[in-house]
N, C-alpha and C. Protein backbone atom coordinates (compact mmCIF):
# COMPACT_ATOMS: atom_id res chain seq x y z
N MET A 1 0.99 -1.50 -0.08
CA MET A 1 -0.12 0.15 -0.01
C MET A 1 1.11 1.24 -0.05
N ARG A 2 0.03 2.32 -1.07
CA ARG A 2 1.75 2.75 -0.88
C ARG A 2 0.85 4.19 0.33
N ILE A 3 1.67 5.42 0.73
CA ILE A 3 0.63 6.69 1.68
C ILE A 3 1.26 7.64 0.65
N PRO A 4 -0.45 8.25 0.83
CA PRO A 4 -0.22 8.90 -0.11
C PRO A 4 0.89 10.47 0.15
N PHE A 5 0.92 11.17 -0.54
CA PHE A 5 2.24 12.30 0.35
C PHE A 5 2.61 13.41 -0.83
N SER A 6 1.94 14.60 -0.79
CA SER A 6 1.98 15.69 -1.23
C SER A 6 2.98 17.26 -0.90
N GLY A 7 4.01 17.15 -1.44
CA GLY A 7 4.30 18.97 -1.29
C GLY A 7 5.28 19.26 -1.78
N THR A 8 6.03 19.95 -2.12
CA THR A 8 7.16 20.42 -2.51
C THR A 8 8.92 20.04 -2.86
N VAL A 9 8.95 20.50 -3.15
CA VAL A 9 10.88 20.28 -4.10
C VAL A 9 11.54 21.29 -3.60
N VAL A 10 12.39 21.63 -2.47
CA VAL A 10 13.27 22.44 -2.21
C VAL A 10 14.64 22.19 -1.77
N ASP A 11 15.56 21.88 -3.14
CA ASP A 11 17.00 21.54 -3.09
C ASP A 11 17.11 20.50 -2.58
N GLY A 12 16.54 19.07 -2.97
CA GLY A 12 16.41 18.08 -3.09
C GLY A 12 15.70 17.80 -1.68
N LYS A 13 15.06 18.49 -1.09
CA LYS A 13 13.82 18.02 -0.17
C LYS A 13 12.83 18.66 -0.41
N VAL A 14 11.79 18.34 0.17
CA VAL A 14 10.75 17.98 0.19
C VAL A 14 9.49 18.72 1.29
N SER A 15 8.78 20.01 1.02
CA SER A 15 8.29 20.21 2.17
C SER A 15 7.51 19.94 2.29
N GLN A 16 6.92 19.59 3.37
CA GLN A 16 5.40 19.37 3.91
C GLN A 16 4.47 20.88 4.60
N LEU A 17 3.64 21.13 4.16
CA LEU A 17 2.84 22.69 4.52
C LEU A 17 3.05 22.03 6.56
N GLY A 18 4.21 23.17 7.09
CA GLY A 18 4.26 23.42 7.75
C GLY A 18 4.66 22.38 8.69
N GLY A 19 5.17 20.92 8.10
CA GLY A 19 6.31 19.98 8.82
C GLY A 19 7.39 20.41 8.99
N PRO A 20 9.06 19.36 9.28
CA PRO A 20 9.74 19.23 8.43
C PRO A 20 10.03 19.22 6.94
N MET A 21 10.48 19.95 6.94
CA MET A 21 12.00 19.66 5.78
C MET A 21 13.17 18.19 5.68
N LEU A 22 11.78 17.33 5.03
CA LEU A 22 12.17 15.90 4.96
C LEU A 22 13.28 15.35 3.61
N THR A 23 14.42 14.77 3.21
CA THR A 23 14.87 14.16 2.09
C THR A 23 13.86 13.14 1.47
N ILE A 24 14.01 13.58 0.54
CA ILE A 24 13.13 11.59 -0.47
C ILE A 24 14.06 11.31 0.15
N GLU A 25 14.84 11.00 0.32
CA GLU A 25 16.07 9.94 1.18
C GLU A 25 14.64 8.88 2.95
N GLU A 26 14.95 10.03 3.43
CA GLU A 26 14.49 9.99 4.82
C GLU A 26 12.58 9.47 4.46
N LEU A 27 12.16 9.95 3.37
CA LEU A 27 10.66 9.56 3.42
C LEU A 27 10.79 8.79 2.96
N ALA A 28 11.66 7.85 1.54
CA ALA A 28 11.70 6.72 1.15
C ALA A 28 12.43 5.65 2.65
N ALA A 29 12.77 6.00 3.39
CA ALA A 29 13.25 4.88 4.64
C ALA A 29 12.56 5.22 5.37
N ILE A 30 11.68 5.99 5.39
CA ILE A 30 10.42 6.06 6.68
C ILE A 30 9.11 4.88 6.49
N ARG A 31 8.96 5.37 4.38
CA ARG A 31 8.00 4.61 4.07
C ARG A 31 8.49 3.01 4.11
N ARG A 32 9.55 2.92 4.11
CA ARG A 32 10.26 1.73 4.08
C ARG A 32 9.84 0.43 5.57
N ARG A 33 10.54 1.57 6.95
CA ARG A 33 10.67 1.40 8.33
C ARG A 33 8.25 1.03 8.50
N VAL A 34 8.32 1.69 7.60
CA VAL A 34 5.88 1.43 7.90
C VAL A 34 5.27 0.37 7.41
N GLU A 35 6.23 -0.02 5.92
CA GLU A 35 6.35 -1.66 6.17
C GLU A 35 6.43 -2.78 7.13
N GLU A 36 7.99 -2.43 7.41
CA GLU A 36 8.63 -3.78 8.09
C GLU A 36 7.51 -3.59 9.61
N LEU A 37 7.34 -2.83 10.35
CA LEU A 37 6.09 -2.87 10.96
C LEU A 37 5.07 -2.95 10.92
N ARG A 38 4.74 -2.82 9.55
CA ARG A 38 3.27 -3.55 9.04
C ARG A 38 3.20 -4.92 8.93
N LEU A 39 4.23 -5.73 8.79
CA LEU A 39 4.79 -6.91 8.38
C LEU A 39 5.16 -7.83 10.04
N GLU A 40 5.82 -6.71 11.18
CA GLU A 40 5.40 -7.38 12.25
C GLU A 40 4.53 -7.77 13.34
N HIS A 41 3.58 -6.39 12.37
CA HIS A 41 1.94 -6.52 12.98
C HIS A 41 1.28 -7.81 12.47
N GLY A 42 1.16 -7.35 11.19
CA GLY A 42 0.38 -8.83 10.70
C GLY A 42 0.62 -10.73 11.86
N ASP A 43 2.29 -10.55 11.63
CA ASP A 43 2.68 -11.84 12.14
C ASP A 43 1.93 -11.84 14.12
N LEU A 44 2.23 -10.72 15.28
CA LEU A 44 2.26 -10.82 15.86
C LEU A 44 0.55 -11.52 15.81
N GLU A 45 -0.31 -10.49 14.51
CA GLU A 45 -1.84 -11.51 14.58
C GLU A 45 -2.21 -12.13 14.29
N ALA A 46 -0.92 -13.26 13.47
CA ALA A 46 -1.04 -14.62 13.40
C ALA A 46 -0.66 -15.50 14.43
N ALA A 47 0.02 -14.74 15.35
CA ALA A 47 0.89 -15.73 16.86
C ALA A 47 -0.42 -15.61 17.96
N ILE A 48 -0.85 -14.27 17.76
CA ILE A 48 -2.00 -13.89 19.21
C ILE A 48 -3.62 -14.72 18.38
N SER A 49 -3.68 -15.16 17.77
CA SER A 49 -4.50 -15.84 17.18
C SER A 49 -4.24 -17.34 16.78
N ALA A 50 -2.70 -17.77 16.91
CA ALA A 50 -2.88 -19.51 17.17
C ALA A 50 -2.60 -19.18 18.41
N LEU A 51 -2.40 -18.38 19.78
CA LEU A 51 -2.15 -19.24 20.72
C LEU A 51 -3.64 -18.77 21.14
N GLY A 52 -4.69 -17.97 20.97
CA GLY A 52 -6.17 -17.96 21.41
C GLY A 52 -6.81 -19.29 20.70
N ASP A 53 -6.56 -19.49 19.70
CA ASP A 53 -6.97 -21.42 19.38
C ASP A 53 -6.59 -22.86 20.20
N ARG A 54 -5.38 -22.72 21.43
CA ARG A 54 -5.18 -23.38 21.70
C ARG A 54 -5.93 -23.55 22.78
N PRO A 55 -6.04 -25.40 24.24
CA PRO A 55 -6.87 -24.93 24.89
C PRO A 55 -6.24 -24.01 26.00
N PHE A 56 -4.81 -24.67 26.01
CA PHE A 56 -4.52 -23.89 27.62
C PHE A 56 -3.61 -22.21 26.90
N THR A 57 -4.16 -21.67 27.58
CA THR A 57 -3.67 -20.34 26.57
C THR A 57 -2.56 -19.46 27.79
N ASP A 58 -1.30 -19.21 27.60
CA ASP A 58 -0.92 -18.49 28.15
C ASP A 58 -1.15 -16.77 28.66
N GLU A 59 -1.66 -16.89 29.07
CA GLU A 59 -2.36 -15.41 29.76
C GLU A 59 -0.67 -14.06 28.97
N ILE A 60 -0.10 -14.75 30.20
CA ILE A 60 1.36 -13.49 30.59
C ILE A 60 1.73 -13.38 29.25
N GLN A 61 1.72 -14.58 28.09
CA GLN A 61 2.24 -13.89 26.69
C GLN A 61 1.22 -13.61 26.08
N MET A 62 0.34 -14.24 26.23
CA MET A 62 -0.73 -13.11 25.15
C MET A 62 -0.77 -11.33 25.16
N ARG A 63 -1.19 -11.23 26.30
CA ARG A 63 -0.40 -9.90 26.85
C ARG A 63 0.27 -9.10 26.41
N ARG A 64 1.65 -10.05 26.95
CA ARG A 64 2.45 -9.23 25.79
C ARG A 64 2.43 -9.73 24.76
N LEU A 65 1.78 -9.80 24.08
CA LEU A 65 2.71 -9.99 22.77
C LEU A 65 1.03 -9.08 21.55
N LYS A 66 -0.33 -8.94 23.00
CA LYS A 66 -0.94 -7.76 22.63
C LYS A 66 -1.02 -6.28 22.60
N LYS A 67 0.32 -6.46 24.22
CA LYS A 67 0.59 -5.00 24.41
C LYS A 67 1.59 -4.22 22.96
N ARG A 68 2.66 -4.92 22.32
CA ARG A 68 3.12 -5.21 21.38
C ARG A 68 2.79 -5.21 19.77
N LYS A 69 1.57 -5.33 19.91
CA LYS A 69 0.65 -5.55 19.10
C LYS A 69 0.18 -3.73 19.01
N LEU A 70 -0.05 -3.30 20.00
CA LEU A 70 -0.47 -1.84 19.86
C LEU A 70 0.20 -0.64 19.83
N GLN A 71 1.82 -1.43 20.34
CA GLN A 71 2.70 -0.35 20.14
C GLN A 71 3.40 -0.37 19.12
N LEU A 72 3.35 -1.06 17.93
CA LEU A 72 3.44 -1.27 16.90
C LEU A 72 2.41 -0.18 15.34
N LYS A 73 1.10 -0.91 16.88
CA LYS A 73 -0.25 0.17 15.80
C LYS A 73 0.76 1.73 16.00
N ASP A 74 0.58 2.27 16.95
CA ASP A 74 1.21 3.40 17.56
C ASP A 74 2.40 3.98 16.75
N MET A 75 3.06 3.07 16.58
CA MET A 75 4.18 3.62 15.39
C MET A 75 4.50 3.82 14.45
N ILE A 76 3.33 3.09 13.54
CA ILE A 76 3.36 2.93 12.37
C ILE A 76 1.94 4.21 12.17
N ALA A 77 0.95 5.02 13.56
CA ALA A 77 0.30 5.57 12.96
C ALA A 77 0.95 6.85 12.47
N LYS A 78 2.44 7.13 13.86
CA LYS A 78 2.69 8.17 13.71
C LYS A 78 3.87 8.74 12.72
N LEU A 79 4.40 7.14 12.27
CA LEU A 79 5.15 7.37 11.18
C LEU A 79 4.22 8.33 9.36
N GLU A 80 3.90 6.91 9.73
CA GLU A 80 2.78 7.28 8.78
C GLU A 80 2.10 9.28 8.59
N SER A 81 2.09 9.80 10.23
CA SER A 81 1.08 11.11 10.19
C SER A 81 2.21 12.32 9.35
N ASN A 82 3.36 11.85 9.48
CA ASN A 82 4.41 12.18 9.82
C ASN A 82 5.00 11.93 8.09
N LEU A 83 4.70 11.91 7.10
CA LEU A 83 4.53 11.75 5.72
C LEU A 83 3.58 12.43 5.03
N ILE A 84 2.09 12.36 5.65
CA ILE A 84 0.52 13.00 5.26
C ILE A 84 1.15 15.06 5.68
N PRO A 85 1.31 15.57 4.51
CA PRO A 85 1.39 16.90 5.16
C PRO A 85 0.39 17.85 6.07
N ASP A 86 0.29 18.27 6.71
CA ASP A 86 -0.51 19.40 7.10
C ASP A 86 -1.43 20.02 6.57
N LEU A 87 -2.71 19.90 6.88
CA LEU A 87 -3.29 20.68 5.66
C LEU A 87 -4.05 21.90 6.82
N ASP A 88 -4.15 23.07 6.38
CA ASP A 88 -4.75 24.59 7.02
C ASP A 88 -6.64 24.36 6.92
N ALA A 89 -6.75 24.51 7.60
CA ALA A 89 -8.81 24.36 7.03
C ALA A 89 -9.10 25.76 6.40
């Protein structure tokens, strides 16, 4: 999935309306990191599902996996917000 981004390029850096100037390489690095985090998030979803299918579930392990999954979701949202320019209404 591609993350929409619109901005202007000035001296090799991308201007995000009111946001930081990011180089094209920095934007690409952020996008790569988001994809890595999404993969890990999906892996955790599968692990949580498999653990939940067991008759005797380790509740502590389940809590840790769910907590990590939520942390990943928050990290993804934060990185994606850095890619989307702020728009004044």
